[in-house]
Amino acid sequence: MTVHSKRYRAGLDSIDRSRLYGLAEAVGLIKDCPGTKFDESVDIALNLGVDPKHADQMVRGAIVLPHGTGRSVRVLVFAKGDKEKEAQDAGADYVGAEDLAKKIQDEGWLDFERVIATPDMMSVVGRLGKVLGPRGLMPNPKLGTVTPDVGRAVSESKAGKVEFRVDKNGIIHASIGRKSFEAAKLADNATAIIDAVLKAKPAVAKGTYLKKIAISTTMGPGIRIDPSSVQKAA
Protein backbone atom coordinates (compact mmCIF):
# COMPACT_ATOMS: atom_id res chain seq x y z
CA MET A 1 0.00 0.00 0.00
CA THR A 2 1.30 3.45 -0.92
CA VAL A 3 2.17 5.61 2.09
CA HIS A 4 1.79 9.34 1.43
CA SER A 5 3.53 12.16 3.29
CA LYS A 6 1.74 14.47 5.72
CA ARG A 7 2.11 17.25 3.17
CA TYR A 8 0.44 15.13 0.46
CA ARG A 9 -2.39 14.15 2.81
CA ALA A 10 -2.90 17.79 3.79
CA GLY A 11 -3.21 18.71 0.13
CA LEU A 12 -5.63 15.86 -0.43
CA ASP A 13 -7.80 17.01 2.47
CA SER A 14 -8.21 20.41 0.79
CA ILE A 15 -9.66 18.83 -2.36
CA ASP A 16 -13.18 17.53 -2.84
CA ARG A 17 -12.46 14.35 -4.81
CA SER A 18 -16.10 14.09 -5.91
CA ARG A 19 -15.99 17.49 -7.63
CA LEU A 20 -14.94 18.71 -11.04
CA TYR A 21 -13.39 22.15 -10.65
CA GLY A 22 -13.15 25.10 -12.98
CA LEU A 23 -9.63 25.78 -14.24
CA ALA A 24 -9.08 28.96 -12.21
CA GLU A 25 -10.30 27.30 -9.00
CA ALA A 26 -8.12 24.24 -9.61
CA VAL A 27 -5.06 26.42 -10.13
CA GLY A 28 -5.90 28.26 -6.92
CA LEU A 29 -5.97 24.97 -5.03
CA ILE A 30 -2.61 24.03 -6.54
CA LYS A 31 -1.15 27.30 -5.29
CA ASP A 32 -2.64 26.80 -1.81
CA CYS A 33 -1.45 23.21 -1.33
CA PRO A 34 1.48 22.79 1.11
CA GLY A 35 4.74 23.13 -0.78
CA THR A 36 8.07 21.34 -0.82
CA LYS A 37 11.60 22.68 -0.45
CA PHE A 38 11.94 22.92 -4.23
CA ASP A 39 9.87 24.70 -6.87
CA GLU A 40 7.63 21.89 -8.10
CA SER A 41 6.56 21.48 -11.69
CA VAL A 42 2.84 21.86 -12.37
CA ASP A 43 1.63 19.27 -14.86
CA ILE A 44 -1.54 18.69 -16.80
CA ALA A 45 -2.98 15.34 -17.92
CA LEU A 46 -5.63 15.09 -20.63
CA ASN A 47 -7.46 11.81 -21.17
CA LEU A 48 -8.63 11.63 -24.79
CA GLY A 49 -11.25 9.54 -26.52
CA VAL A 50 -8.87 8.14 -29.13
CA ASP A 51 -7.19 4.82 -29.79
CA PRO A 52 -3.47 5.58 -30.38
CA LYS A 53 -2.93 2.09 -31.80
CA HIS A 54 -4.45 3.47 -35.00
CA ALA A 55 -2.19 5.90 -36.85
CA ASP A 56 -5.11 8.10 -37.87
CA GLN A 57 -5.99 8.63 -34.20
CA MET A 58 -2.54 9.70 -33.06
CA VAL A 59 -2.59 13.12 -31.38
CA ARG A 60 0.65 15.09 -31.24
CA GLY A 61 1.87 18.61 -31.67
CA ALA A 62 3.87 21.44 -30.16
CA ILE A 63 3.13 24.87 -28.76
CA VAL A 64 5.11 27.74 -27.27
CA LEU A 65 3.53 28.39 -23.87
CA PRO A 66 2.67 32.06 -23.30
CA HIS A 67 4.66 32.15 -20.06
CA GLY A 68 7.22 29.39 -20.66
CA THR A 69 7.80 26.34 -18.49
CA GLY A 70 10.10 27.87 -15.91
CA ARG A 71 12.98 25.61 -16.79
CA SER A 72 15.89 25.74 -19.19
CA VAL A 73 15.91 23.18 -22.00
CA ARG A 74 19.20 21.81 -23.36
CA VAL A 75 18.97 21.95 -27.15
CA LEU A 76 21.07 19.98 -29.62
CA VAL A 77 21.09 21.04 -33.28
CA PHE A 78 22.31 19.05 -36.26
CA ALA A 79 23.44 21.62 -38.82
CA LYS A 80 26.39 22.71 -40.93
CA GLY A 81 27.79 25.93 -42.35
CA ASP A 82 25.71 29.08 -41.94
CA LYS A 83 22.96 27.12 -40.19
CA GLU A 84 25.44 25.96 -37.56
CA LYS A 85 26.26 29.58 -36.70
CA GLU A 86 22.57 30.51 -36.79
CA ALA A 87 21.83 27.83 -34.20
CA GLN A 88 24.74 28.92 -32.01
CA ASP A 89 23.64 32.57 -32.16
CA ALA A 90 20.12 31.55 -31.12
CA GLY A 91 21.45 29.87 -27.98
CA ALA A 92 21.70 26.18 -28.88
CA ASP A 93 23.67 24.22 -26.27
CA TYR A 94 25.25 21.81 -28.77
CA VAL A 95 25.66 22.16 -32.53
CA GLY A 96 27.33 19.73 -34.89
CA ALA A 97 26.85 16.97 -37.43
CA GLU A 98 28.49 13.55 -37.80
CA ASP A 99 30.63 14.25 -34.72
CA LEU A 100 27.56 14.49 -32.47
CA ALA A 101 25.91 11.49 -34.10
CA LYS A 102 29.02 9.43 -33.41
CA LYS A 103 29.11 10.59 -29.79
CA ILE A 104 25.51 9.51 -29.31
CA GLN A 105 26.05 6.15 -31.00
CA ASP A 106 29.42 5.24 -29.51
CA GLU A 107 29.23 6.81 -26.05
CA GLY A 108 25.50 6.74 -25.34
CA TRP A 109 25.63 10.51 -24.82
CA LEU A 110 22.18 11.98 -24.17
CA ASP A 111 22.82 15.20 -22.26
CA PHE A 112 20.09 17.13 -24.08
CA GLU A 113 16.29 17.43 -24.05
CA ARG A 114 15.42 18.69 -27.53
CA VAL A 115 16.88 17.80 -30.93
CA ILE A 116 16.52 20.07 -33.96
CA ALA A 117 17.90 19.35 -37.44
CA THR A 118 18.05 21.00 -40.83
CA PRO A 119 16.45 18.85 -43.57
CA ASP A 120 19.81 18.06 -45.18
CA MET A 121 21.03 16.50 -41.91
CA MET A 122 18.26 13.92 -41.62
CA SER A 123 20.35 11.30 -43.40
CA VAL A 124 22.70 11.52 -40.42
CA VAL A 125 20.00 11.86 -37.76
CA GLY A 126 18.00 8.98 -39.26
CA ARG A 127 20.69 6.55 -38.12
CA LEU A 128 19.92 7.54 -34.52
CA GLY A 129 16.26 6.56 -34.68
CA LYS A 130 16.61 3.58 -32.35
CA VAL A 131 18.22 5.80 -29.73
CA LEU A 132 16.27 9.03 -30.07
CA GLY A 133 12.88 7.61 -31.06
CA PRO A 134 11.99 5.74 -27.86
CA ARG A 135 12.96 8.84 -25.84
CA GLY A 136 10.73 11.14 -27.85
CA LEU A 137 13.75 13.08 -29.14
CA MET A 138 13.61 12.30 -32.85
CA PRO A 139 13.23 15.51 -34.92
CA ASN A 140 9.92 15.75 -36.76
CA PRO A 141 8.76 18.26 -39.39
CA LYS A 142 5.25 18.32 -37.88
CA LEU A 143 6.72 19.51 -34.59
CA GLY A 144 8.92 22.12 -36.22
CA THR A 145 12.12 20.34 -35.22
CA VAL A 146 13.13 19.49 -38.79
CA THR A 147 13.42 22.92 -40.34
CA PRO A 148 15.79 25.20 -42.26
CA ASP A 149 14.83 27.95 -39.78
CA VAL A 150 16.94 26.55 -36.94
CA GLY A 151 17.37 29.93 -35.27
CA ARG A 152 13.65 30.29 -34.73
CA ALA A 153 13.30 26.66 -33.63
CA VAL A 154 16.01 27.08 -31.01
CA SER A 155 14.54 30.37 -29.77
CA GLU A 156 11.09 28.79 -29.40
CA SER A 157 12.51 25.82 -27.52
CA LYS A 158 14.34 28.11 -25.14
CA ALA A 159 11.23 30.27 -24.72
CA GLY A 160 9.11 27.36 -23.50
CA LYS A 161 7.98 25.28 -26.46
CA VAL A 162 6.22 22.14 -25.27
CA GLU A 163 5.75 19.02 -27.38
CA PHE A 164 2.83 16.75 -26.61
CA ARG A 165 1.96 13.24 -27.72
CA VAL A 166 -0.81 10.89 -26.64
CA ASP A 167 0.50 7.75 -24.93
CA LYS A 168 -0.73 4.19 -25.38
CA ASN A 169 -3.42 4.78 -22.77
CA GLY A 170 -4.85 7.77 -24.61
CA ILE A 171 -3.37 10.33 -22.20
CA ILE A 172 -1.31 13.44 -22.87
CA HIS A 173 1.02 14.68 -20.13
CA ALA A 174 2.62 18.12 -20.27
CA SER A 175 4.18 20.71 -17.99
CA ILE A 176 2.39 24.07 -17.63
CA GLY A 177 5.00 25.77 -15.45
CA ARG A 178 6.19 25.93 -11.86
CA LYS A 179 4.30 26.30 -8.61
CA SER A 180 5.99 29.68 -8.10
CA PHE A 181 4.22 31.02 -11.22
CA GLU A 182 1.33 33.42 -10.71
CA ALA A 183 -2.03 31.62 -10.83
CA ALA A 184 -3.07 33.56 -13.95
CA LYS A 185 0.06 32.47 -15.82
CA LEU A 186 -0.49 28.80 -14.95
CA ALA A 187 -4.09 29.11 -16.16
CA ASP A 188 -2.94 30.77 -19.41
CA ASN A 189 -0.44 28.00 -20.06
CA ALA A 190 -3.01 25.29 -19.30
CA THR A 191 -5.51 26.93 -21.66
CA ALA A 192 -2.89 27.08 -24.42
CA ILE A 193 -2.17 23.35 -24.10
CA ILE A 194 -5.85 22.44 -24.04
CA ASP A 195 -6.59 24.59 -27.10
CA ALA A 196 -3.67 23.00 -29.00
CA VAL A 197 -4.89 19.49 -28.18
CA LEU A 198 -8.44 20.38 -29.25
CA LYS A 199 -7.13 21.71 -32.58
CA ALA A 200 -5.19 18.46 -33.06
CA LYS A 201 -8.35 16.34 -32.81
CA PRO A 202 -8.24 13.59 -35.46
CA ALA A 203 -11.01 13.75 -38.04
CA VAL A 204 -11.90 10.11 -37.35
CA ALA A 205 -12.30 10.57 -33.58
CA LYS A 206 -15.86 9.76 -32.50
CA GLY A 207 -17.73 10.38 -29.28
CA THR A 208 -16.27 12.46 -26.45
CA TYR A 209 -12.79 13.65 -27.41
CA LEU A 210 -11.66 15.45 -24.24
CA LYS A 211 -12.82 13.04 -21.54
CA LYS A 212 -10.89 14.01 -18.42
CA ILE A 213 -8.47 16.74 -17.32
CA ALA A 214 -6.39 16.94 -14.16
CA ILE A 215 -3.57 19.13 -12.90
CA SER A 216 -1.07 18.38 -10.16
CA THR A 217 2.31 19.37 -8.79
CA THR A 218 5.26 16.99 -8.91
CA MET A 219 4.62 15.73 -5.36
CA GLY A 220 0.96 16.64 -4.94
CA PRO A 221 -2.46 15.06 -5.57
CA GLY A 222 -4.33 15.51 -8.83
CA ILE A 223 -7.20 18.00 -9.10
CA ARG A 224 -9.87 17.17 -11.66
CA ILE A 225 -11.12 19.87 -14.01
CA ASP A 226 -14.51 19.98 -15.73
CA PRO A 227 -13.70 19.56 -19.46
CA SER A 228 -16.84 21.47 -20.47
CA SER A 229 -15.56 24.55 -18.62
CA VAL A 230 -12.46 24.89 -20.80
CA GLN A 231 -13.53 23.74 -24.25
CA LYS A 232 -14.11 26.32 -26.93
CA ALA A 233 -16.54 25.83 -29.72
CA ALA A 234 -14.97 23.83 -32.49
C-alpha atoms as a PDB file:
ATOM      1  CA  MET A   1       0.000   0.000   0.000  1.00  0.00           C
ATOM      2  CA  THR A   2       1.304   3.449  -0.919  1.00  0.00           C
ATOM      3  CA  VAL A   3       2.167   5.611   2.095  1.00  0.00           C
ATOM      4  CA  HIS A   4       1.786   9.337   1.425  1.00  0.00           C
ATOM      5  CA  SER A   5       3.532  12.156   3.285  1.00  0.00           C
ATOM      6  CA  LYS A   6       1.745  14.473   5.725  1.00  0.00           C
ATOM      7  CA  ARG A   7       2.107  17.251   3.170  1.00  0.00           C
ATOM      8  CA  TYR A   8       0.443  15.128   0.462  1.00  0.00           C
ATOM      9  CA  ARG A   9      -2.386  14.146   2.811  1.00  0.00           C
ATOM     10  CA  ALA A  10      -2.901  17.787   3.794  1.00  0.00           C
ATOM     11  CA  GLY A  11      -3.209  18.713   0.135  1.00  0.00           C
ATOM     12  CA  LEU A  12      -5.632  15.857  -0.435  1.00  0.00           C
ATOM     13  CA  ASP A  13      -7.795  17.013   2.470  1.00  0.00           C
ATOM     14  CA  SER A  14      -8.209  20.413   0.794  1.00  0.00           C
ATOM     15  CA  ILE A  15      -9.659  18.834  -2.362  1.00  0.00           C
ATOM     16  CA  ASP A  16     -13.184  17.532  -2.841  1.00  0.00           C
ATOM     17  CA  ARG A  17     -12.463  14.351  -4.810  1.00  0.00           C
ATOM     18  CA  SER A  18     -16.098  14.091  -5.905  1.00  0.00           C
ATOM     19  CA  ARG A  19     -15.995  17.495  -7.629  1.00  0.00           C
ATOM     20  CA  LEU A  20     -14.943  18.710 -11.038  1.00  0.00           C
ATOM     21  CA  TYR A  21     -13.387  22.152 -10.649  1.00  0.00           C
ATOM     22  CA  GLY A  22     -13.154  25.101 -12.981  1.00  0.00           C
ATOM     23  CA  LEU A  23      -9.627  25.783 -14.243  1.00  0.00           C
ATOM     24  CA  ALA A  24      -9.075  28.961 -12.205  1.00  0.00           C
ATOM     25  CA  GLU A  25     -10.301  27.299  -9.002  1.00  0.00           C
ATOM     26  CA  ALA A  26      -8.124  24.238  -9.610  1.00  0.00           C
ATOM     27  CA  VAL A  27      -5.057  26.421 -10.132  1.00  0.00           C
ATOM     28  CA  GLY A  28      -5.899  28.261  -6.921  1.00  0.00           C
ATOM     29  CA  LEU A  29      -5.969  24.975  -5.027  1.00  0.00           C
ATOM     30  CA  ILE A  30      -2.608  24.031  -6.540  1.00  0.00           C
ATOM     31  CA  LYS A  31      -1.155  27.304  -5.286  1.00  0.00           C
ATOM     32  CA  ASP A  32      -2.640  26.799  -1.805  1.00  0.00           C
ATOM     33  CA  CYS A  33      -1.448  23.206  -1.333  1.00  0.00           C
ATOM     34  CA  PRO A  34       1.477  22.792   1.111  1.00  0.00           C
ATOM     35  CA  GLY A  35       4.743  23.134  -0.778  1.00  0.00           C
ATOM     36  CA  THR A  36       8.070  21.345  -0.818  1.00  0.00           C
ATOM     37  CA  LYS A  37      11.600  22.683  -0.452  1.00  0.00           C
ATOM     38  CA  PHE A  38      11.938  22.921  -4.227  1.00  0.00           C
ATOM     39  CA  ASP A  39       9.869  24.698  -6.866  1.00  0.00           C
ATOM     40  CA  GLU A  40       7.628  21.891  -8.098  1.00  0.00           C
ATOM     41  CA  SER A  41       6.561  21.476 -11.694  1.00  0.00           C
ATOM     42  CA  VAL A  42       2.841  21.862 -12.366  1.00  0.00           C
ATOM     43  CA  ASP A  43       1.633  19.272 -14.858  1.00  0.00           C
ATOM     44  CA  ILE A  44      -1.544  18.685 -16.803  1.00  0.00           C
ATOM     45  CA  ALA A  45      -2.975  15.338 -17.922  1.00  0.00           C
ATOM     46  CA  LEU A  46      -5.629  15.087 -20.627  1.00  0.00           C
ATOM     47  CA  ASN A  47      -7.464  11.806 -21.165  1.00  0.00           C
ATOM     48  CA  LEU A  48      -8.634  11.626 -24.794  1.00  0.00           C
ATOM     49  CA  GLY A  49     -11.254   9.540 -26.524  1.00  0.00           C
ATOM     50  CA  VAL A  50      -8.869   8.140 -29.131  1.00  0.00           C
ATOM     51  CA  ASP A  51      -7.190   4.818 -29.788  1.00  0.00           C
ATOM     52  CA  PRO A  52      -3.473   5.581 -30.378  1.00  0.00           C
ATOM     53  CA  LYS A  53      -2.932   2.089 -31.804  1.00  0.00           C
ATOM     54  CA  HIS A  54      -4.446   3.467 -35.000  1.00  0.00           C
ATOM     55  CA  ALA A  55      -2.191   5.900 -36.846  1.00  0.00           C
ATOM     56  CA  ASP A  56      -5.110   8.105 -37.869  1.00  0.00           C
ATOM     57  CA  GLN A  57      -5.993   8.627 -34.195  1.00  0.00           C
ATOM     58  CA  MET A  58      -2.537   9.702 -33.055  1.00  0.00           C
ATOM     59  CA  VAL A  59      -2.585  13.120 -31.384  1.00  0.00           C
ATOM     60  CA  ARG A  60       0.648  15.085 -31.238  1.00  0.00           C
ATOM     61  CA  GLY A  61       1.868  18.614 -31.671  1.00  0.00           C
ATOM     62  CA  ALA A  62       3.874  21.441 -30.159  1.00  0.00           C
ATOM     63  CA  ILE A  63       3.131  24.875 -28.762  1.00  0.00           C
ATOM     64  CA  VAL A  64       5.106  27.744 -27.271  1.00  0.00           C
ATOM     65  CA  LEU A  65       3.533  28.386 -23.872  1.00  0.00           C
ATOM     66  CA  PRO A  66       2.668  32.056 -23.304  1.00  0.00           C
ATOM     67  CA  HIS A  67       4.656  32.147 -20.061  1.00  0.00           C
ATOM     68  CA  GLY A  68       7.221  29.387 -20.660  1.00  0.00           C
ATOM     69  CA  THR A  69       7.796  26.339 -18.495  1.00  0.00           C
ATOM     70  CA  GLY A  70      10.099  27.867 -15.905  1.00  0.00           C
ATOM     71  CA  ARG A  71      12.980  25.610 -16.789  1.00  0.00           C
ATOM     72  CA  SER A  72      15.894  25.743 -19.187  1.00  0.00           C
ATOM     73  CA  VAL A  73      15.914  23.180 -21.999  1.00  0.00           C
ATOM     74  CA  ARG A  74      19.198  21.808 -23.359  1.00  0.00           C
ATOM     75  CA  VAL A  75      18.967  21.945 -27.150  1.00  0.00           C
ATOM     76  CA  LEU A  76      21.067  19.981 -29.621  1.00  0.00           C
ATOM     77  CA  VAL A  77      21.092  21.038 -33.281  1.00  0.00           C
ATOM     78  CA  PHE A  78      22.312  19.049 -36.263  1.00  0.00           C
ATOM     79  CA  ALA A  79      23.437  21.623 -38.819  1.00  0.00           C
ATOM     80  CA  LYS A  80      26.387  22.713 -40.934  1.00  0.00           C
ATOM     81  CA  GLY A  81      27.790  25.931 -42.346  1.00  0.00           C
ATOM     82  CA  ASP A  82      25.714  29.084 -41.945  1.00  0.00           C
ATOM     83  CA  LYS A  83      22.965  27.122 -40.188  1.00  0.00           C
ATOM     84  CA  GLU A  84      25.439  25.964 -37.562  1.00  0.00           C
ATOM     85  CA  LYS A  85      26.255  29.582 -36.705  1.00  0.00           C
ATOM     86  CA  GLU A  86      22.571  30.512 -36.786  1.00  0.00           C
ATOM     87  CA  ALA A  87      21.826  27.833 -34.195  1.00  0.00           C
ATOM     88  CA  GLN A  88      24.736  28.924 -32.011  1.00  0.00           C
ATOM     89  CA  ASP A  89      23.645  32.568 -32.155  1.00  0.00           C
ATOM     90  CA  ALA A  90      20.117  31.550 -31.121  1.00  0.00           C
ATOM     91  CA  GLY A  91      21.455  29.870 -27.982  1.00  0.00           C
ATOM     92  CA  ALA A  92      21.703  26.175 -28.878  1.00  0.00           C
ATOM     93  CA  ASP A  93      23.669  24.215 -26.273  1.00  0.00           C
ATOM     94  CA  TYR A  94      25.254  21.806 -28.772  1.00  0.00           C
ATOM     95  CA  VAL A  95      25.661  22.159 -32.532  1.00  0.00           C
ATOM     96  CA  GLY A  96      27.328  19.729 -34.891  1.00  0.00           C
ATOM     97  CA  ALA A  97      26.848  16.971 -37.435  1.00  0.00           C
ATOM     98  CA  GLU A  98      28.493  13.552 -37.803  1.00  0.00           C
ATOM     99  CA  ASP A  99      30.627  14.246 -34.722  1.00  0.00           C
ATOM    100  CA  LEU A 100      27.564  14.493 -32.466  1.00  0.00           C
ATOM    101  CA  ALA A 101      25.906  11.492 -34.099  1.00  0.00           C
ATOM    102  CA  LYS A 102      29.020   9.434 -33.410  1.00  0.00           C
ATOM    103  CA  LYS A 103      29.115  10.592 -29.789  1.00  0.00           C
ATOM    104  CA  ILE A 104      25.510   9.508 -29.306  1.00  0.00           C
ATOM    105  CA  GLN A 105      26.049   6.155 -31.004  1.00  0.00           C
ATOM    106  CA  ASP A 106      29.423   5.241 -29.506  1.00  0.00           C
ATOM    107  CA  GLU A 107      29.226   6.813 -26.047  1.00  0.00           C
ATOM    108  CA  GLY A 108      25.498   6.736 -25.344  1.00  0.00           C
ATOM    109  CA  TRP A 109      25.630  10.506 -24.815  1.00  0.00           C
ATOM    110  CA  LEU A 110      22.180  11.983 -24.173  1.00  0.00           C
ATOM    111  CA  ASP A 111      22.824  15.200 -22.263  1.00  0.00           C
ATOM    112  CA  PHE A 112      20.088  17.134 -24.081  1.00  0.00           C
ATOM    113  CA  GLU A 113      16.293  17.432 -24.054  1.00  0.00           C
ATOM    114  CA  ARG A 114      15.416  18.686 -27.530  1.00  0.00           C
ATOM    115  CA  VAL A 115      16.878  17.799 -30.934  1.00  0.00           C
ATOM    116  CA  ILE A 116      16.524  20.066 -33.958  1.00  0.00           C
ATOM    117  CA  ALA A 117      17.897  19.347 -37.440  1.00  0.00           C
ATOM    118  CA  THR A 118      18.054  20.997 -40.834  1.00  0.00           C
ATOM    119  CA  PRO A 119      16.447  18.854 -43.575  1.00  0.00           C
ATOM    120  CA  ASP A 120      19.808  18.056 -45.179  1.00  0.00           C
ATOM    121  CA  MET A 121      21.031  16.502 -41.909  1.00  0.00           C
ATOM    122  CA  MET A 122      18.255  13.917 -41.624  1.00  0.00           C
ATOM    123  CA  SER A 123      20.346  11.296 -43.401  1.00  0.00           C
ATOM    124  CA  VAL A 124      22.701  11.524 -40.423  1.00  0.00           C
ATOM    125  CA  VAL A 125      19.998  11.864 -37.762  1.00  0.00           C
ATOM    126  CA  GLY A 126      18.002   8.982 -39.256  1.00  0.00           C
ATOM    127  CA  ARG A 127      20.689   6.546 -38.115  1.00  0.00           C
ATOM    128  CA  LEU A 128      19.920   7.545 -34.525  1.00  0.00           C
ATOM    129  CA  GLY A 129      16.262   6.564 -34.682  1.00  0.00           C
ATOM    130  CA  LYS A 130      16.605   3.580 -32.350  1.00  0.00           C
ATOM    131  CA  VAL A 131      18.222   5.796 -29.727  1.00  0.00           C
ATOM    132  CA  LEU A 132      16.270   9.026 -30.068  1.00  0.00           C
ATOM    133  CA  GLY A 133      12.881   7.611 -31.063  1.00  0.00           C
ATOM    134  CA  PRO A 134      11.994   5.735 -27.856  1.00  0.00           C
ATOM    135  CA  ARG A 135      12.964   8.842 -25.838  1.00  0.00           C
ATOM    136  CA  GLY A 136      10.731  11.138 -27.855  1.00  0.00           C
ATOM    137  CA  LEU A 137      13.748  13.080 -29.139  1.00  0.00           C
ATOM    138  CA  MET A 138      13.615  12.302 -32.847  1.00  0.00           C
ATOM    139  CA  PRO A 139      13.228  15.509 -34.918  1.00  0.00           C
ATOM    140  CA  ASN A 140       9.922  15.748 -36.757  1.00  0.00           C
ATOM    141  CA  PRO A 141       8.763  18.265 -39.393  1.00  0.00           C
ATOM    142  CA  LYS A 142       5.247  18.317 -37.879  1.00  0.00           C
ATOM    143  CA  LEU A 143       6.717  19.514 -34.587  1.00  0.00           C
ATOM    144  CA  GLY A 144       8.924  22.124 -36.219  1.00  0.00           C
ATOM    145  CA  THR A 145      12.122  20.337 -35.218  1.00  0.00           C
ATOM    146  CA  VAL A 146      13.133  19.491 -38.790  1.00  0.00           C
ATOM    147  CA  THR A 147      13.421  22.920 -40.337  1.00  0.00           C
ATOM    148  CA  PRO A 148      15.788  25.195 -42.258  1.00  0.00           C
ATOM    149  CA  ASP A 149      14.827  27.953 -39.777  1.00  0.00           C
ATOM    150  CA  VAL A 150      16.939  26.552 -36.936  1.00  0.00           C
ATOM    151  CA  GLY A 151      17.370  29.934 -35.265  1.00  0.00           C
ATOM    152  CA  ARG A 152      13.654  30.287 -34.728  1.00  0.00           C
ATOM    153  CA  ALA A 153      13.299  26.662 -33.634  1.00  0.00           C
ATOM    154  CA  VAL A 154      16.014  27.084 -31.008  1.00  0.00           C
ATOM    155  CA  SER A 155      14.545  30.368 -29.769  1.00  0.00           C
ATOM    156  CA  GLU A 156      11.088  28.791 -29.399  1.00  0.00           C
ATOM    157  CA  SER A 157      12.510  25.823 -27.516  1.00  0.00           C
ATOM    158  CA  LYS A 158      14.345  28.113 -25.141  1.00  0.00           C
ATOM    159  CA  ALA A 159      11.226  30.271 -24.719  1.00  0.00           C
ATOM    160  CA  GLY A 160       9.108  27.358 -23.503  1.00  0.00           C
ATOM    161  CA  LYS A 161       7.978  25.276 -26.457  1.00  0.00           C
ATOM    162  CA  VAL A 162       6.216  22.137 -25.271  1.00  0.00           C
ATOM    163  CA  GLU A 163       5.752  19.023 -27.380  1.00  0.00           C
ATOM    164  CA  PHE A 164       2.831  16.749 -26.609  1.00  0.00           C
ATOM    165  CA  ARG A 165       1.958  13.242 -27.720  1.00  0.00           C
ATOM    166  CA  VAL A 166      -0.812  10.894 -26.643  1.00  0.00           C
ATOM    167  CA  ASP A 167       0.504   7.751 -24.931  1.00  0.00           C
ATOM    168  CA  LYS A 168      -0.728   4.191 -25.384  1.00  0.00           C
ATOM    169  CA  ASN A 169      -3.422   4.781 -22.770  1.00  0.00           C
ATOM    170  CA  GLY A 170      -4.850   7.774 -24.610  1.00  0.00           C
ATOM    171  CA  ILE A 171      -3.373  10.331 -22.201  1.00  0.00           C
ATOM    172  CA  ILE A 172      -1.313  13.444 -22.874  1.00  0.00           C
ATOM    173  CA  HIS A 173       1.017  14.677 -20.129  1.00  0.00           C
ATOM    174  CA  ALA A 174       2.624  18.124 -20.265  1.00  0.00           C
ATOM    175  CA  SER A 175       4.175  20.714 -17.990  1.00  0.00           C
ATOM    176  CA  ILE A 176       2.388  24.066 -17.628  1.00  0.00           C
ATOM    177  CA  GLY A 177       4.999  25.772 -15.451  1.00  0.00           C
ATOM    178  CA  ARG A 178       6.194  25.931 -11.861  1.00  0.00           C
ATOM    179  CA  LYS A 179       4.297  26.299  -8.614  1.00  0.00           C
ATOM    180  CA  SER A 180       5.989  29.681  -8.104  1.00  0.00           C
ATOM    181  CA  PHE A 181       4.216  31.023 -11.219  1.00  0.00           C
ATOM    182  CA  GLU A 182       1.331  33.422 -10.707  1.00  0.00           C
ATOM    183  CA  ALA A 183      -2.026  31.621 -10.834  1.00  0.00           C
ATOM    184  CA  ALA A 184      -3.074  33.560 -13.948  1.00  0.00           C
ATOM    185  CA  LYS A 185       0.063  32.472 -15.816  1.00  0.00           C
ATOM    186  CA  LEU A 186      -0.492  28.804 -14.946  1.00  0.00           C
ATOM    187  CA  ALA A 187      -4.092  29.106 -16.162  1.00  0.00           C
ATOM    188  CA  ASP A 188      -2.945  30.774 -19.410  1.00  0.00           C
ATOM    189  CA  ASN A 189      -0.444  27.999 -20.063  1.00  0.00           C
ATOM    190  CA  ALA A 190      -3.013  25.293 -19.301  1.00  0.00           C
ATOM    191  CA  THR A 191      -5.511  26.927 -21.658  1.00  0.00           C
ATOM    192  CA  ALA A 192      -2.887  27.083 -24.415  1.00  0.00           C
ATOM    193  CA  ILE A 193      -2.167  23.348 -24.097  1.00  0.00           C
ATOM    194  CA  ILE A 194      -5.849  22.444 -24.041  1.00  0.00           C
ATOM    195  CA  ASP A 195      -6.586  24.587 -27.101  1.00  0.00           C
ATOM    196  CA  ALA A 196      -3.672  23.002 -28.996  1.00  0.00           C
ATOM    197  CA  VAL A 197      -4.895  19.495 -28.175  1.00  0.00           C
ATOM    198  CA  LEU A 198      -8.435  20.382 -29.250  1.00  0.00           C
ATOM    199  CA  LYS A 199      -7.132  21.715 -32.577  1.00  0.00           C
ATOM    200  CA  ALA A 200      -5.188  18.461 -33.062  1.00  0.00           C
ATOM    201  CA  LYS A 201      -8.350  16.340 -32.814  1.00  0.00           C
ATOM    202  CA  PRO A 202      -8.235  13.590 -35.459  1.00  0.00           C
ATOM    203  CA  ALA A 203     -11.010  13.749 -38.036  1.00  0.00           C
ATOM    204  CA  VAL A 204     -11.903  10.107 -37.347  1.00  0.00           C
ATOM    205  CA  ALA A 205     -12.300  10.569 -33.584  1.00  0.00           C
ATOM    206  CA  LYS A 206     -15.858   9.758 -32.497  1.00  0.00           C
ATOM    207  CA  GLY A 207     -17.729  10.382 -29.277  1.00  0.00           C
ATOM    208  CA  THR A 208     -16.272  12.455 -26.454  1.00  0.00           C
ATOM    209  CA  TYR A 209     -12.788  13.653 -27.406  1.00  0.00           C
ATOM    210  CA  LEU A 210     -11.656  15.449 -24.243  1.00  0.00           C
ATOM    211  CA  LYS A 211     -12.816  13.042 -21.544  1.00  0.00           C
ATOM    212  CA  LYS A 212     -10.885  14.014 -18.415  1.00  0.00           C
ATOM    213  CA  ILE A 213      -8.467  16.743 -17.316  1.00  0.00           C
ATOM    214  CA  ALA A 214      -6.390  16.937 -14.156  1.00  0.00           C
ATOM    215  CA  ILE A 215      -3.568  19.133 -12.896  1.00  0.00           C
ATOM    216  CA  SER A 216      -1.070  18.383 -10.163  1.00  0.00           C
ATOM    217  CA  THR A 217       2.305  19.367  -8.786  1.00  0.00           C
ATOM    218  CA  THR A 218       5.260  16.990  -8.906  1.00  0.00           C
ATOM    219  CA  MET A 219       4.617  15.735  -5.365  1.00  0.00           C
ATOM    220  CA  GLY A 220       0.956  16.638  -4.940  1.00  0.00           C
ATOM    221  CA  PRO A 221      -2.459  15.064  -5.569  1.00  0.00           C
ATOM    222  CA  GLY A 222      -4.330  15.513  -8.831  1.00  0.00           C
ATOM    223  CA  ILE A 223      -7.196  18.002  -9.100  1.00  0.00           C
ATOM    224  CA  ARG A 224      -9.866  17.165 -11.658  1.00  0.00           C
ATOM    225  CA  ILE A 225     -11.121  19.875 -14.006  1.00  0.00           C
ATOM    226  CA  ASP A 226     -14.508  19.977 -15.728  1.00  0.00           C
ATOM    227  CA  PRO A 227     -13.700  19.564 -19.459  1.00  0.00           C
ATOM    228  CA  SER A 228     -16.840  21.466 -20.469  1.00  0.00           C
ATOM    229  CA  SER A 229     -15.560  24.545 -18.623  1.00  0.00           C
ATOM    230  CA  VAL A 230     -12.458  24.891 -20.802  1.00  0.00           C
ATOM    231  CA  GLN A 231     -13.528  23.737 -24.246  1.00  0.00           C
ATOM    232  CA  LYS A 232     -14.110  26.318 -26.926  1.00  0.00           C
ATOM    233  CA  ALA A 233     -16.542  25.830 -29.715  1.00  0.00           C
ATOM    234  CA  ALA A 234     -14.967  23.826 -32.485  1.00  0.00           C
END
